[in-house]
Amino acid sequence: MRPRWRHVPMSSPPNQKPLDERLHEAAKRAEEELRRFVNYLDTDVVPEVRRNSSTALRAAAARLQKLAEQLDDAKKPGSGPAPPSGS
């Protein structure tokens, strides 16, 4: 019984580049895309995060300030917790 297919050497078609050359080009394009992505992060994302994080820190600081004032007020004489209401 003969096989249905015959062995064909692994060669590139006449108009196609060899596999190693195509892989090299793909790696080069991926490196270029990665450089552009890192540049985007550095120029657009990081500054925006820094701006927003400082705003968030200021808001947290204001809330902590209010909490500290409430704790200080609770420590003052005569300003203890309100007596329980009820029967």
Protein backbone atom coordinates (compact mmCIF):
# COMPACT_ATOMS: atom_id res chain seq x y z
CA MET A 1 0.00 0.00 0.00
CA ARG A 2 1.37 3.42 -0.95
CA PRO A 3 1.00 6.50 1.25
CA ARG A 4 -1.53 9.05 0.06
CA TRP A 5 0.94 11.89 0.36
CA ARG A 6 4.47 12.14 -0.72
CA HIS A 7 7.24 13.72 1.29
CA VAL A 8 7.81 17.34 0.32
CA PRO A 9 10.85 19.15 1.69
CA MET A 10 10.11 22.07 4.01
CA SER A 11 11.00 24.98 1.78
CA SER A 12 9.40 28.37 1.36
CA PRO A 13 7.26 29.09 -1.66
CA PRO A 14 9.06 31.24 -4.23
CA ASN A 15 7.45 34.53 -3.14
CA GLN A 16 7.68 33.92 0.61
CA LYS A 17 10.53 34.80 2.97
CA PRO A 18 12.16 32.07 5.07
CA LEU A 19 10.66 31.42 8.48
CA ASP A 20 13.62 32.76 10.46
CA GLU A 21 13.50 36.05 8.54
CA ARG A 22 9.75 36.40 9.14
CA LEU A 23 10.22 35.68 12.85
CA HIS A 24 13.01 38.26 13.04
CA GLU A 25 10.77 40.88 11.41
CA ALA A 26 7.88 40.02 13.74
CA ALA A 27 10.16 40.35 16.78
CA LYS A 28 11.41 43.70 15.51
CA ARG A 29 7.82 44.97 15.08
CA ALA A 30 6.92 43.71 18.56
CA GLU A 31 9.90 45.56 20.06
CA GLU A 32 8.84 48.77 18.28
CA GLU A 33 5.28 48.41 19.57
CA LEU A 34 6.60 47.80 23.08
CA ARG A 35 8.74 50.97 22.88
CA ARG A 36 5.70 52.99 21.77
CA PHE A 37 3.61 51.50 24.59
CA VAL A 38 6.26 52.35 27.22
CA ASN A 39 6.49 55.87 25.82
CA TYR A 40 2.69 56.19 26.05
CA LEU A 41 2.78 55.05 29.68
CA ASP A 42 5.56 57.51 30.53
CA THR A 43 4.05 60.52 28.78
CA ASP A 44 0.30 60.04 29.28
CA VAL A 45 -0.58 57.51 31.94
CA VAL A 46 1.97 58.15 34.70
CA PRO A 47 1.44 61.94 34.88
CA GLU A 48 -2.34 61.45 35.03
CA VAL A 49 -2.01 58.87 37.81
CA ARG A 50 0.24 61.25 39.73
CA ARG A 51 -2.28 64.09 39.38
CA ASN A 52 -5.17 61.90 40.47
CA SER A 53 -3.26 60.26 43.32
CA SER A 54 -2.36 63.65 44.82
CA THR A 55 -6.04 64.62 44.70
CA ALA A 56 -6.99 61.34 46.37
CA LEU A 57 -4.34 61.88 49.06
CA ARG A 58 -5.68 65.36 49.76
CA ALA A 59 -9.22 64.01 50.12
CA ALA A 60 -8.01 61.25 52.45
CA ALA A 61 -6.05 63.81 54.49
CA ALA A 62 -9.17 65.96 54.88
CA ARG A 63 -11.20 62.97 56.07
CA LEU A 64 -8.45 61.96 58.50
CA GLN A 65 -8.37 65.53 59.82
CA LYS A 66 -12.13 65.39 60.50
CA LEU A 67 -11.77 62.02 62.20
CA ALA A 68 -8.93 63.35 64.39
CA GLU A 69 -11.10 66.33 65.38
CA GLN A 70 -13.97 63.99 66.30
CA LEU A 71 -11.62 61.88 68.43
CA ASP A 72 -10.27 65.01 70.14
CA ASP A 73 -13.80 66.25 70.80
CA ALA A 74 -14.74 62.90 72.31
CA LYS A 75 -11.79 63.17 74.76
CA LYS A 76 -12.85 66.58 76.11
CA PRO A 77 -14.39 66.52 79.57
CA GLY A 78 -18.16 66.56 79.57
CA SER A 79 -18.41 65.49 75.95
CA GLY A 80 -18.51 61.76 76.49
CA PRO A 81 -20.87 59.50 74.64
CA ALA A 82 -24.52 60.38 74.86
CA PRO A 83 -26.44 58.35 77.43
CA PRO A 84 -28.53 55.58 75.93
CA SER A 85 -32.09 56.59 75.27
CA GLY A 86 -34.96 54.31 75.97
CA SER A 87 -36.76 52.80 78.92
